[in-house]
Amino acid sequence: EEARIDHVSQIIEPAIHNNKIVITDRYI
């Protein structure tokens, strides 16, 4: 969970807000 919160806040959310298509190898 700690790793995921960091992952989402640092990688996923900023990428989505910049109109990226994000593909994650493993998730929830």
mmCIF file of all heavy atoms, coordinates in Angstrom:
data_MODEL
# 
_entry.id   MODEL 
# 
loop_
_atom_site.group_PDB 
_atom_site.id 
_atom_site.type_symbol 
_atom_site.label_atom_id 
_atom_site.label_alt_id 
_atom_site.label_comp_id 
_atom_site.label_asym_id 
_atom_site.label_entity_id 
_atom_site.label_seq_id 
_atom_site.pdbx_PDB_ins_code 
_atom_site.Cartn_x 
_atom_site.Cartn_y 
_atom_site.Cartn_z 
_atom_site.occupancy 
_atom_site.B_iso_or_equiv 
_atom_site.pdbx_formal_charge 
_atom_site.auth_seq_id 
_atom_site.auth_comp_id 
_atom_site.auth_asym_id 
_atom_site.auth_atom_id 
_atom_site.pdbx_PDB_model_num 
ATOM 1   N N   . GLU A 1 1  ? 0.829  -1.208  0.000   1.00 0.00 ? 1  GLU A N   1 
ATOM 2   C CA  . GLU A 1 1  ? 0.000  0.000   0.000   1.00 0.00 ? 1  GLU A CA  1 
ATOM 3   C C   . GLU A 1 1  ? 0.864  1.259   0.000   1.00 0.00 ? 1  GLU A C   1 
ATOM 4   O O   . GLU A 1 1  ? 0.558  2.237   -0.696  1.00 0.00 ? 1  GLU A O   1 
ATOM 5   C CB  . GLU A 1 1  ? -0.938 -0.007  1.200   1.00 0.00 ? 1  GLU A CB  1 
ATOM 6   C CG  . GLU A 1 1  ? -2.074 -1.009  1.082   1.00 0.00 ? 1  GLU A CG  1 
ATOM 7   C CD  . GLU A 1 1  ? -2.970 -1.032  2.302   1.00 0.00 ? 1  GLU A CD  1 
ATOM 8   O OE1 . GLU A 1 1  ? -2.487 -0.696  3.407   1.00 0.00 ? 1  GLU A OE1 1 
ATOM 9   O OE2 . GLU A 1 1  ? -4.148 -1.390  2.150   1.00 0.00 ? 1  GLU A OE2 1 
ATOM 10  N N   . GLU A 1 2  ? 1.926  1.245   0.788   1.00 0.00 ? 2  GLU A N   1 
ATOM 11  C CA  . GLU A 1 2  ? 2.822  2.395   0.823   1.00 0.00 ? 2  GLU A CA  1 
ATOM 12  C C   . GLU A 1 2  ? 3.447  2.628   -0.551  1.00 0.00 ? 2  GLU A C   1 
ATOM 13  O O   . GLU A 1 2  ? 3.516  3.772   -1.037  1.00 0.00 ? 2  GLU A O   1 
ATOM 14  C CB  . GLU A 1 2  ? 3.925  2.162   1.871   1.00 0.00 ? 2  GLU A CB  1 
ATOM 15  C CG  . GLU A 1 2  ? 4.888  3.327   2.010   1.00 0.00 ? 2  GLU A CG  1 
ATOM 16  C CD  . GLU A 1 2  ? 5.984  3.076   3.023   1.00 0.00 ? 2  GLU A CD  1 
ATOM 17  O OE1 . GLU A 1 2  ? 6.007  1.980   3.638   1.00 0.00 ? 2  GLU A OE1 1 
ATOM 18  O OE2 . GLU A 1 2  ? 6.837  3.972   3.199   1.00 0.00 ? 2  GLU A OE2 1 
ATOM 19  N N   . ALA A 1 3  ? 3.882  1.541   -1.178  1.00 0.00 ? 3  ALA A N   1 
ATOM 20  C CA  . ALA A 1 3  ? 4.470  1.658   -2.509  1.00 0.00 ? 3  ALA A CA  1 
ATOM 21  C C   . ALA A 1 3  ? 3.441  2.151   -3.521  1.00 0.00 ? 3  ALA A C   1 
ATOM 22  O O   . ALA A 1 3  ? 3.753  2.968   -4.401  1.00 0.00 ? 3  ALA A O   1 
ATOM 23  C CB  . ALA A 1 3  ? 5.044  0.310   -2.942  1.00 0.00 ? 3  ALA A CB  1 
ATOM 24  N N   . ARG A 1 4  ? 2.199  1.676   -3.406  1.00 0.00 ? 4  ARG A N   1 
ATOM 25  C CA  . ARG A 1 4  ? 1.169  2.068   -4.383  1.00 0.00 ? 4  ARG A CA  1 
ATOM 26  C C   . ARG A 1 4  ? 0.809  3.542   -4.258  1.00 0.00 ? 4  ARG A C   1 
ATOM 27  O O   . ARG A 1 4  ? 0.645  4.222   -5.280  1.00 0.00 ? 4  ARG A O   1 
ATOM 28  C CB  . ARG A 1 4  ? -0.078 1.203   -4.226  1.00 0.00 ? 4  ARG A CB  1 
ATOM 29  C CG  . ARG A 1 4  ? -1.203 1.620   -5.195  1.00 0.00 ? 4  ARG A CG  1 
ATOM 30  C CD  . ARG A 1 4  ? -2.260 0.564   -5.324  1.00 0.00 ? 4  ARG A CD  1 
ATOM 31  N NE  . ARG A 1 4  ? -1.676 -0.654  -5.833  1.00 0.00 ? 4  ARG A NE  1 
ATOM 32  C CZ  . ARG A 1 4  ? -1.815 -1.865  -5.245  1.00 0.00 ? 4  ARG A CZ  1 
ATOM 33  N NH1 . ARG A 1 4  ? -2.537 -1.986  -4.148  1.00 0.00 ? 4  ARG A NH1 1 
ATOM 34  N NH2 . ARG A 1 4  ? -1.238 -2.912  -5.775  1.00 0.00 ? 4  ARG A NH2 1 
ATOM 35  N N   . ILE A 1 5  ? 0.659  4.042   -3.054  1.00 0.00 ? 5  ILE A N   1 
ATOM 36  C CA  . ILE A 1 5  ? 0.341  5.456   -2.882  1.00 0.00 ? 5  ILE A CA  1 
ATOM 37  C C   . ILE A 1 5  ? 1.429  6.321   -3.518  1.00 0.00 ? 5  ILE A C   1 
ATOM 38  O O   . ILE A 1 5  ? 1.153  7.304   -4.221  1.00 0.00 ? 5  ILE A O   1 
ATOM 39  C CB  . ILE A 1 5  ? 0.161  5.796   -1.391  1.00 0.00 ? 5  ILE A CB  1 
ATOM 40  C CG1 . ILE A 1 5  ? -1.132 5.157   -0.868  1.00 0.00 ? 5  ILE A CG1 1 
ATOM 41  C CG2 . ILE A 1 5  ? 0.127  7.303   -1.176  1.00 0.00 ? 5  ILE A CG2 1 
ATOM 42  C CD1 . ILE A 1 5  ? -1.281 5.233   0.633   1.00 0.00 ? 5  ILE A CD1 1 
ATOM 43  N N   . ASP A 1 6  ? 2.678  5.949   -3.305  1.00 0.00 ? 6  ASP A N   1 
ATOM 44  C CA  . ASP A 1 6  ? 3.788  6.684   -3.907  1.00 0.00 ? 6  ASP A CA  1 
ATOM 45  C C   . ASP A 1 6  ? 3.749  6.554   -5.427  1.00 0.00 ? 6  ASP A C   1 
ATOM 46  O O   . ASP A 1 6  ? 3.950  7.535   -6.154  1.00 0.00 ? 6  ASP A O   1 
ATOM 47  C CB  . ASP A 1 6  ? 5.105  6.150   -3.352  1.00 0.00 ? 6  ASP A CB  1 
ATOM 48  C CG  . ASP A 1 6  ? 6.291  7.016   -3.728  1.00 0.00 ? 6  ASP A CG  1 
ATOM 49  O OD1 . ASP A 1 6  ? 6.277  8.218   -3.382  1.00 0.00 ? 6  ASP A OD1 1 
ATOM 50  O OD2 . ASP A 1 6  ? 7.228  6.506   -4.373  1.00 0.00 ? 6  ASP A OD2 1 
ATOM 51  N N   . HIS A 1 7  ? 3.464  5.371   -5.904  1.00 0.00 ? 7  HIS A N   1 
ATOM 52  C CA  . HIS A 1 7  ? 3.399  5.104   -7.347  1.00 0.00 ? 7  HIS A CA  1 
ATOM 53  C C   . HIS A 1 7  ? 2.305  5.932   -8.011  1.00 0.00 ? 7  HIS A C   1 
ATOM 54  O O   . HIS A 1 7  ? 2.519  6.567   -9.050  1.00 0.00 ? 7  HIS A O   1 
ATOM 55  C CB  . HIS A 1 7  ? 3.136  3.603   -7.548  1.00 0.00 ? 7  HIS A CB  1 
ATOM 56  C CG  . HIS A 1 7  ? 3.148  3.153   -8.971  1.00 0.00 ? 7  HIS A CG  1 
ATOM 57  N ND1 . HIS A 1 7  ? 2.301  2.186   -9.440  1.00 0.00 ? 7  HIS A ND1 1 
ATOM 58  C CD2 . HIS A 1 7  ? 3.895  3.540   -10.024 1.00 0.00 ? 7  HIS A CD2 1 
ATOM 59  C CE1 . HIS A 1 7  ? 2.537  1.982   -10.718 1.00 0.00 ? 7  HIS A CE1 1 
ATOM 60  N NE2 . HIS A 1 7  ? 3.496  2.787   -11.094 1.00 0.00 ? 7  HIS A NE2 1 
ATOM 61  N N   . VAL A 1 8  ? 1.137  5.947   -7.404  1.00 0.00 ? 8  VAL A N   1 
ATOM 62  C CA  . VAL A 1 8  ? 0.008  6.694   -7.969  1.00 0.00 ? 8  VAL A CA  1 
ATOM 63  C C   . VAL A 1 8  ? 0.290  8.190   -7.932  1.00 0.00 ? 8  VAL A C   1 
ATOM 64  O O   . VAL A 1 8  ? 0.078  8.902   -8.926  1.00 0.00 ? 8  VAL A O   1 
ATOM 65  C CB  . VAL A 1 8  ? -1.297 6.356   -7.219  1.00 0.00 ? 8  VAL A CB  1 
ATOM 66  C CG1 . VAL A 1 8  ? -2.408 7.326   -7.618  1.00 0.00 ? 8  VAL A CG1 1 
ATOM 67  C CG2 . VAL A 1 8  ? -1.722 4.924   -7.516  1.00 0.00 ? 8  VAL A CG2 1 
ATOM 68  N N   . SER A 1 9  ? 0.776  8.686   -6.803  1.00 0.00 ? 9  SER A N   1 
ATOM 69  C CA  . SER A 1 9  ? 0.977  10.133  -6.660  1.00 0.00 ? 9  SER A CA  1 
ATOM 70  C C   . SER A 1 9  ? 2.128  10.647  -7.513  1.00 0.00 ? 9  SER A C   1 
ATOM 71  O O   . SER A 1 9  ? 2.067  11.769  -8.039  1.00 0.00 ? 9  SER A O   1 
ATOM 72  C CB  . SER A 1 9  ? 1.211  10.501  -5.192  1.00 0.00 ? 9  SER A CB  1 
ATOM 73  O OG  . SER A 1 9  ? 2.423  9.944   -4.712  1.00 0.00 ? 9  SER A OG  1 
ATOM 74  N N   . GLN A 1 10 ? 3.160  9.826   -7.687  1.00 0.00 ? 10 GLN A N   1 
ATOM 75  C CA  . GLN A 1 10 ? 4.350  10.281  -8.398  1.00 0.00 ? 10 GLN A CA  1 
ATOM 76  C C   . GLN A 1 10 ? 4.333  9.961   -9.891  1.00 0.00 ? 10 GLN A C   1 
ATOM 77  O O   . GLN A 1 10 ? 4.935  10.691  -10.690 1.00 0.00 ? 10 GLN A O   1 
ATOM 78  C CB  . GLN A 1 10 ? 5.610  9.650   -7.769  1.00 0.00 ? 10 GLN A CB  1 
ATOM 79  C CG  . GLN A 1 10 ? 5.844  10.010  -6.328  1.00 0.00 ? 10 GLN A CG  1 
ATOM 80  C CD  . GLN A 1 10 ? 6.059  11.498  -6.127  1.00 0.00 ? 10 GLN A CD  1 
ATOM 81  O OE1 . GLN A 1 10 ? 6.778  12.138  -6.885  1.00 0.00 ? 10 GLN A OE1 1 
ATOM 82  N NE2 . GLN A 1 10 ? 5.431  12.064  -5.107  1.00 0.00 ? 10 GLN A NE2 1 
ATOM 83  N N   . ILE A 1 11 ? 3.675  8.882   -10.277 1.00 0.00 ? 11 ILE A N   1 
ATOM 84  C CA  . ILE A 1 11 ? 3.733  8.423   -11.670 1.00 0.00 ? 11 ILE A CA  1 
ATOM 85  C C   . ILE A 1 11 ? 2.364  8.470   -12.353 1.00 0.00 ? 11 ILE A C   1 
ATOM 86  O O   . ILE A 1 11 ? 2.180  9.138   -13.374 1.00 0.00 ? 11 ILE A O   1 
ATOM 87  C CB  . ILE A 1 11 ? 4.290  6.988   -11.756 1.00 0.00 ? 11 ILE A CB  1 
ATOM 88  C CG1 . ILE A 1 11 ? 5.680  6.907   -11.116 1.00 0.00 ? 11 ILE A CG1 1 
ATOM 89  C CG2 . ILE A 1 11 ? 4.326  6.518   -13.218 1.00 0.00 ? 11 ILE A CG2 1 
ATOM 90  C CD1 . ILE A 1 11 ? 6.761  7.661   -11.845 1.00 0.00 ? 11 ILE A CD1 1 
ATOM 91  N N   . ILE A 1 12 ? 1.389  7.760   -11.793 1.00 0.00 ? 12 ILE A N   1 
ATOM 92  C CA  . ILE A 1 12 ? 0.136  7.538   -12.505 1.00 0.00 ? 12 ILE A CA  1 
ATOM 93  C C   . ILE A 1 12 ? -0.695 8.811   -12.626 1.00 0.00 ? 12 ILE A C   1 
ATOM 94  O O   . ILE A 1 12 ? -1.099 9.201   -13.737 1.00 0.00 ? 12 ILE A O   1 
ATOM 95  C CB  . ILE A 1 12 ? -0.665 6.403   -11.835 1.00 0.00 ? 12 ILE A CB  1 
ATOM 96  C CG1 . ILE A 1 12 ? 0.078  5.065   -12.025 1.00 0.00 ? 12 ILE A CG1 1 
ATOM 97  C CG2 . ILE A 1 12 ? -2.076 6.324   -12.418 1.00 0.00 ? 12 ILE A CG2 1 
ATOM 98  C CD1 . ILE A 1 12 ? -0.569 3.888   -11.340 1.00 0.00 ? 12 ILE A CD1 1 
ATOM 99  N N   . GLU A 1 13 ? -0.967 9.479   -11.506 1.00 0.00 ? 13 GLU A N   1 
ATOM 100 C CA  . GLU A 1 13 ? -1.808 10.682  -11.559 1.00 0.00 ? 13 GLU A CA  1 
ATOM 101 C C   . GLU A 1 13 ? -1.192 11.782  -12.432 1.00 0.00 ? 13 GLU A C   1 
ATOM 102 O O   . GLU A 1 13 ? -1.886 12.338  -13.284 1.00 0.00 ? 13 GLU A O   1 
ATOM 103 C CB  . GLU A 1 13 ? -2.069 11.196  -10.144 1.00 0.00 ? 13 GLU A CB  1 
ATOM 104 C CG  . GLU A 1 13 ? -3.154 10.436  -9.407  1.00 0.00 ? 13 GLU A CG  1 
ATOM 105 C CD  . GLU A 1 13 ? -4.522 11.096  -9.574  1.00 0.00 ? 13 GLU A CD  1 
ATOM 106 O OE1 . GLU A 1 13 ? -4.610 12.317  -9.457  1.00 0.00 ? 13 GLU A OE1 1 
ATOM 107 O OE2 . GLU A 1 13 ? -5.492 10.360  -9.809  1.00 0.00 ? 13 GLU A OE2 1 
ATOM 108 N N   . PRO A 1 14 ? 0.083  12.120  -12.261 1.00 0.00 ? 14 PRO A N   1 
ATOM 109 C CA  . PRO A 1 14 ? 0.655  13.160  -13.136 1.00 0.00 ? 14 PRO A CA  1 
ATOM 110 C C   . PRO A 1 14 ? 0.601  12.786  -14.615 1.00 0.00 ? 14 PRO A C   1 
ATOM 111 O O   . PRO A 1 14 ? 0.346  13.644  -15.462 1.00 0.00 ? 14 PRO A O   1 
ATOM 112 C CB  . PRO A 1 14 ? 2.106  13.263  -12.647 1.00 0.00 ? 14 PRO A CB  1 
ATOM 113 C CG  . PRO A 1 14 ? 2.067  12.797  -11.231 1.00 0.00 ? 14 PRO A CG  1 
ATOM 114 C CD  . PRO A 1 14 ? 1.043  11.697  -11.211 1.00 0.00 ? 14 PRO A CD  1 
ATOM 115 N N   . ALA A 1 15 ? 0.829  11.501  -14.925 1.00 0.00 ? 15 ALA A N   1 
ATOM 116 C CA  . ALA A 1 15 ? 0.796  11.079  -16.322 1.00 0.00 ? 15 ALA A CA  1 
ATOM 117 C C   . ALA A 1 15 ? -0.605 11.225  -16.901 1.00 0.00 ? 15 ALA A C   1 
ATOM 118 O O   . ALA A 1 15 ? -0.788 11.712  -18.027 1.00 0.00 ? 15 ALA A O   1 
ATOM 119 C CB  . ALA A 1 15 ? 1.276  9.641   -16.439 1.00 0.00 ? 15 ALA A CB  1 
ATOM 120 N N   . ILE A 1 16 ? -1.608 10.799  -16.154 1.00 0.00 ? 16 ILE A N   1 
ATOM 121 C CA  . ILE A 1 16 ? -2.988 10.906  -16.626 1.00 0.00 ? 16 ILE A CA  1 
ATOM 122 C C   . ILE A 1 16 ? -3.375 12.369  -16.822 1.00 0.00 ? 16 ILE A C   1 
ATOM 123 O O   . ILE A 1 16 ? -4.029 12.730  -17.810 1.00 0.00 ? 16 ILE A O   1 
ATOM 124 C CB  . ILE A 1 16 ? -3.936 10.183  -15.649 1.00 0.00 ? 16 ILE A CB  1 
ATOM 125 C CG1 . ILE A 1 16 ? -3.753 8.667   -15.785 1.00 0.00 ? 16 ILE A CG1 1 
ATOM 126 C CG2 . ILE A 1 16 ? -5.393 10.565  -15.918 1.00 0.00 ? 16 ILE A CG2 1 
ATOM 127 C CD1 . ILE A 1 16 ? -4.499 7.856   -14.770 1.00 0.00 ? 16 ILE A CD1 1 
ATOM 128 N N   . HIS A 1 17 ? -2.959 13.218  -15.925 1.00 0.00 ? 17 HIS A N   1 
ATOM 129 C CA  . HIS A 1 17 ? -3.274 14.645  -16.044 1.00 0.00 ? 17 HIS A CA  1 
ATOM 130 C C   . HIS A 1 17 ? -2.569 15.282  -17.235 1.00 0.00 ? 17 HIS A C   1 
ATOM 131 O O   . HIS A 1 17 ? -2.980 16.347  -17.706 1.00 0.00 ? 17 HIS A O   1 
ATOM 132 C CB  . HIS A 1 17 ? -2.898 15.376  -14.764 1.00 0.00 ? 17 HIS A CB  1 
ATOM 133 C CG  . HIS A 1 17 ? -3.792 15.027  -13.619 1.00 0.00 ? 17 HIS A CG  1 
ATOM 134 N ND1 . HIS A 1 17 ? -3.501 15.343  -12.306 1.00 0.00 ? 17 HIS A ND1 1 
ATOM 135 C CD2 . HIS A 1 17 ? -4.986 14.366  -13.574 1.00 0.00 ? 17 HIS A CD2 1 
ATOM 136 C CE1 . HIS A 1 17 ? -4.472 14.896  -11.518 1.00 0.00 ? 17 HIS A CE1 1 
ATOM 137 N NE2 . HIS A 1 17 ? -5.369 14.308  -12.265 1.00 0.00 ? 17 HIS A NE2 1 
ATOM 138 N N   . ASN A 1 18 ? -1.517 14.626  -17.725 1.00 0.00 ? 18 ASN A N   1 
ATOM 139 C CA  . ASN A 1 18 ? -0.813 15.087  -18.923 1.00 0.00 ? 18 ASN A CA  1 
ATOM 140 C C   . ASN A 1 18 ? -1.237 14.307  -20.168 1.00 0.00 ? 18 ASN A C   1 
ATOM 141 O O   . ASN A 1 18 ? -0.513 14.254  -21.162 1.00 0.00 ? 18 ASN A O   1 
ATOM 142 C CB  . ASN A 1 18 ? 0.700  14.963  -18.728 1.00 0.00 ? 18 ASN A CB  1 
ATOM 143 C CG  . ASN A 1 18 ? 1.255  16.078  -17.859 1.00 0.00 ? 18 ASN A CG  1 
ATOM 144 O OD1 . ASN A 1 18 ? 1.112  17.257  -18.181 1.00 0.00 ? 18 ASN A OD1 1 
ATOM 145 N ND2 . ASN A 1 18 ? 1.875  15.724  -16.749 1.00 0.00 ? 18 ASN A ND2 1 
ATOM 146 N N   . ASN A 1 19 ? -2.446 13.714  -20.084 1.00 0.00 ? 19 ASN A N   1 
ATOM 147 C CA  . ASN A 1 19 ? -3.059 13.013  -21.226 1.00 0.00 ? 19 ASN A CA  1 
ATOM 148 C C   . ASN A 1 19 ? -2.244 11.823  -21.721 1.00 0.00 ? 19 ASN A C   1 
ATOM 149 O O   . ASN A 1 19 ? -2.253 11.509  -22.915 1.00 0.00 ? 19 ASN A O   1 
ATOM 150 C CB  . ASN A 1 19 ? -3.304 14.000  -22.383 1.00 0.00 ? 19 ASN A CB  1 
ATOM 151 C CG  . ASN A 1 19 ? -4.280 15.092  -21.991 1.00 0.00 ? 19 ASN A CG  1 
ATOM 152 O OD1 . ASN A 1 19 ? -5.323 14.823  -21.394 1.00 0.00 ? 19 ASN A OD1 1 
ATOM 153 N ND2 . ASN A 1 19 ? -3.940 16.332  -22.324 1.00 0.00 ? 19 ASN A ND2 1 
ATOM 154 N N   . LYS A 1 20 ? -1.577 11.155  -20.803 1.00 0.00 ? 20 LYS A N   1 
ATOM 155 C CA  . LYS A 1 20 ? -0.867 9.929   -21.149 1.00 0.00 ? 20 LYS A CA  1 
ATOM 156 C C   . LYS A 1 20 ? -1.798 8.727   -20.998 1.00 0.00 ? 20 LYS A C   1 
ATOM 157 O O   . LYS A 1 20 ? -2.752 8.749   -20.210 1.00 0.00 ? 20 LYS A O   1 
ATOM 158 C CB  . LYS A 1 20 ? 0.355  9.732   -20.250 1.00 0.00 ? 20 LYS A CB  1 
ATOM 159 C CG  . LYS A 1 20 ? 1.366  10.869  -20.292 1.00 0.00 ? 20 LYS A CG  1 
ATOM 160 C CD  . LYS A 1 20 ? 2.014  11.009  -21.642 1.00 0.00 ? 20 LYS A CD  1 
ATOM 161 C CE  . LYS A 1 20 ? 3.118  12.052  -21.615 1.00 0.00 ? 20 LYS A CE  1 
ATOM 162 N NZ  . LYS A 1 20 ? 3.733  12.249  -22.949 1.00 0.00 ? 20 LYS A NZ  1 
ATOM 163 N N   . ILE A 1 21 ? -1.509 7.695   -21.751 1.00 0.00 ? 21 ILE A N   1 
ATOM 164 C CA  . ILE A 1 21 ? -2.150 6.391   -21.567 1.00 0.00 ? 21 ILE A CA  1 
ATOM 165 C C   . ILE A 1 21 ? -1.187 5.567   -20.712 1.00 0.00 ? 21 ILE A C   1 
ATOM 166 O O   . ILE A 1 21 ? -0.052 5.291   -21.123 1.00 0.00 ? 21 ILE A O   1 
ATOM 167 C CB  . ILE A 1 21 ? -2.390 5.689   -22.915 1.00 0.00 ? 21 ILE A CB  1 
ATOM 168 C CG1 . ILE A 1 21 ? -3.333 6.518   -23.789 1.00 0.00 ? 21 ILE A CG1 1 
ATOM 169 C CG2 . ILE A 1 21 ? -2.945 4.283   -22.699 1.00 0.00 ? 21 ILE A CG2 1 
ATOM 170 C CD1 . ILE A 1 21 ? -3.380 6.057   -25.240 1.00 0.00 ? 21 ILE A CD1 1 
ATOM 171 N N   . VAL A 1 22 ? -1.609 5.214   -19.518 1.00 0.00 ? 22 VAL A N   1 
ATOM 172 C CA  . VAL A 1 22 ? -0.721 4.529   -18.577 1.00 0.00 ? 22 VAL A CA  1 
ATOM 173 C C   . VAL A 1 22 ? -1.035 3.026   -18.582 1.00 0.00 ? 22 VAL A C   1 
ATOM 174 O O   . VAL A 1 22 ? -2.188 2.626   -18.405 1.00 0.00 ? 22 VAL A O   1 
ATOM 175 C CB  . VAL A 1 22 ? -0.883 5.074   -17.149 1.00 0.00 ? 22 VAL A CB  1 
ATOM 176 C CG1 . VAL A 1 22 ? 0.073  4.370   -16.193 1.00 0.00 ? 22 VAL A CG1 1 
ATOM 177 C CG2 . VAL A 1 22 ? -0.640 6.584   -17.126 1.00 0.00 ? 22 VAL A CG2 1 
ATOM 178 N N   . ILE A 1 23 ? -0.006 2.213   -18.771 1.00 0.00 ? 23 ILE A N   1 
ATOM 179 C CA  . ILE A 1 23 ? -0.128 0.762   -18.659 1.00 0.00 ? 23 ILE A CA  1 
ATOM 180 C C   . ILE A 1 23 ? 0.755  0.319   -17.503 1.00 0.00 ? 23 ILE A C   1 
ATOM 181 O O   . ILE A 1 23 ? 1.972  0.532   -17.525 1.00 0.00 ? 23 ILE A O   1 
ATOM 182 C CB  . ILE A 1 23 ? 0.305  0.039   -19.948 1.00 0.00 ? 23 ILE A CB  1 
ATOM 183 C CG1 . ILE A 1 23 ? -0.518 0.527   -21.142 1.00 0.00 ? 23 ILE A CG1 1 
ATOM 184 C CG2 . ILE A 1 23 ? 0.165  -1.477  -19.782 1.00 0.00 ? 23 ILE A CG2 1 
ATOM 185 C CD1 . ILE A 1 23 ? -0.074 -0.067  -22.476 1.00 0.00 ? 23 ILE A CD1 1 
ATOM 186 N N   . THR A 1 24 ? 0.157  -0.282  -16.492 1.00 0.00 ? 24 THR A N   1 
ATOM 187 C CA  . THR A 1 24 ? 0.926  -0.742  -15.339 1.00 0.00 ? 24 THR A CA  1 
ATOM 188 C C   . THR A 1 24 ? 0.939  -2.266  -15.269 1.00 0.00 ? 24 THR A C   1 
ATOM 189 O O   . THR A 1 24 ? -0.095 -2.915  -15.393 1.00 0.00 ? 24 THR A O   1 
ATOM 190 C CB  . THR A 1 24 ? 0.395  -0.142  -14.018 1.00 0.00 ? 24 THR A CB  1 
ATOM 191 O OG1 . THR A 1 24 ? 1.189  -0.644  -12.931 1.00 0.00 ? 24 THR A OG1 1 
ATOM 192 C CG2 . THR A 1 24 ? -1.068 -0.456  -13.776 1.00 0.00 ? 24 THR A CG2 1 
ATOM 193 N N   . ASP A 1 25 ? 2.127  -2.793  -15.110 1.00 0.00 ? 25 ASP A N   1 
ATOM 194 C CA  . ASP A 1 25 ? 2.332  -4.236  -14.958 1.00 0.00 ? 25 ASP A CA  1 
ATOM 195 C C   . ASP A 1 25 ? 2.151  -4.557  -13.472 1.00 0.00 ? 25 ASP A C   1 
ATOM 196 O O   . ASP A 1 25 ? 3.029  -4.315  -12.662 1.00 0.00 ? 25 ASP A O   1 
ATOM 197 C CB  . ASP A 1 25 ? 3.743  -4.592  -15.430 1.00 0.00 ? 25 ASP A CB  1 
ATOM 198 C CG  . ASP A 1 25 ? 4.022  -6.078  -15.429 1.00 0.00 ? 25 ASP A CG  1 
ATOM 199 O OD1 . ASP A 1 25 ? 3.226  -6.842  -14.839 1.00 0.00 ? 25 ASP A OD1 1 
ATOM 200 O OD2 . ASP A 1 25 ? 5.043  -6.486  -16.018 1.00 0.00 ? 25 ASP A OD2 1 
ATOM 201 N N   . ARG A 1 26 ? 0.986  -5.060  -13.142 1.00 0.00 ? 26 ARG A N   1 
ATOM 202 C CA  . ARG A 1 26 ? 0.455  -5.313  -11.801 1.00 0.00 ? 26 ARG A CA  1 
ATOM 203 C C   . ARG A 1 26 ? -0.113 -4.024  -11.204 1.00 0.00 ? 26 ARG A C   1 
ATOM 204 O O   . ARG A 1 26 ? 0.393  -2.935  -11.417 1.00 0.00 ? 26 ARG A O   1 
ATOM 205 C CB  . ARG A 1 26 ? 1.469  -5.932  -10.828 1.00 0.00 ? 26 ARG A CB  1 
ATOM 206 C CG  . ARG A 1 26 ? 1.882  -7.331  -11.186 1.00 0.00 ? 26 ARG A CG  1 
ATOM 207 C CD  . ARG A 1 26 ? 2.336  -8.120  -9.967  1.00 0.00 ? 26 ARG A CD  1 
ATOM 208 N NE  . ARG A 1 26 ? 2.748  -9.453  -10.336 1.00 0.00 ? 26 ARG A NE  1 
ATOM 209 C CZ  . ARG A 1 26 ? 1.901  -10.446 -10.610 1.00 0.00 ? 26 ARG A CZ  1 
ATOM 210 N NH1 . ARG A 1 26 ? 0.603  -10.222 -10.545 1.00 0.00 ? 26 ARG A NH1 1 
ATOM 211 N NH2 . ARG A 1 26 ? 2.337  -11.631 -10.928 1.00 0.00 ? 26 ARG A NH2 1 
ATOM 212 N N   . TYR A 1 27 ? -1.201 -4.255  -10.436 1.00 0.00 ? 27 TYR A N   1 
ATOM 213 C CA  . TYR A 1 27 ? -1.848 -3.113  -9.789  1.00 0.00 ? 27 TYR A CA  1 
ATOM 214 C C   . TYR A 1 27 ? -2.738 -3.648  -8.673  1.00 0.00 ? 27 TYR A C   1 
ATOM 215 O O   . TYR A 1 27 ? -2.407 -4.644  -8.019  1.00 0.00 ? 27 TYR A O   1 
ATOM 216 C CB  . TYR A 1 27 ? -2.616 -2.298  -10.843 1.00 0.00 ? 27 TYR A CB  1 
ATOM 217 C CG  . TYR A 1 27 ? -3.008 -0.911  -10.409 1.00 0.00 ? 27 TYR A CG  1 
ATOM 218 C CD1 . TYR A 1 27 ? -2.108 -0.055  -9.778  1.00 0.00 ? 27 TYR A CD1 1 
ATOM 219 C CD2 . TYR A 1 27 ? -4.293 -0.431  -10.657 1.00 0.00 ? 27 TYR A CD2 1 
ATOM 220 C CE1 . TYR A 1 27 ? -2.482 1.229   -9.390  1.00 0.00 ? 27 TYR A CE1 1 
ATOM 221 C CE2 . TYR A 1 27 ? -4.672 0.851   -10.283 1.00 0.00 ? 27 TYR A CE2 1 
ATOM 222 C CZ  . TYR A 1 27 ? -3.761 1.675   -9.648  1.00 0.00 ? 27 TYR A CZ  1 
ATOM 223 O OH  . TYR A 1 27 ? -4.134 2.933   -9.263  1.00 0.00 ? 27 TYR A OH  1 
ATOM 224 N N   . ILE A 1 28 ? -3.870 -3.034  -8.459  1.00 0.00 ? 28 ILE A N   1 
ATOM 225 C CA  . ILE A 1 28 ? -4.716 -3.352  -7.313  1.00 0.00 ? 28 ILE A CA  1 
ATOM 226 C C   . ILE A 1 28 ? -5.209 -4.796  -7.336  1.00 0.00 ? 28 ILE A C   1 
ATOM 227 O O   . ILE A 1 28 ? -5.341 -5.437  -6.285  1.00 0.00 ? 28 ILE A O   1 
ATOM 228 C CB  . ILE A 1 28 ? -5.899 -2.372  -7.255  1.00 0.00 ? 28 ILE A CB  1 
ATOM 229 C CG1 . ILE A 1 28 ? -5.377 -0.952  -6.988  1.00 0.00 ? 28 ILE A CG1 1 
ATOM 230 C CG2 . ILE A 1 28 ? -6.894 -2.764  -6.176  1.00 0.00 ? 28 ILE A CG2 1 
ATOM 231 C CD1 . ILE A 1 28 ? -6.406 0.132   -7.196  1.00 0.00 ? 28 ILE A CD1 1 
# 
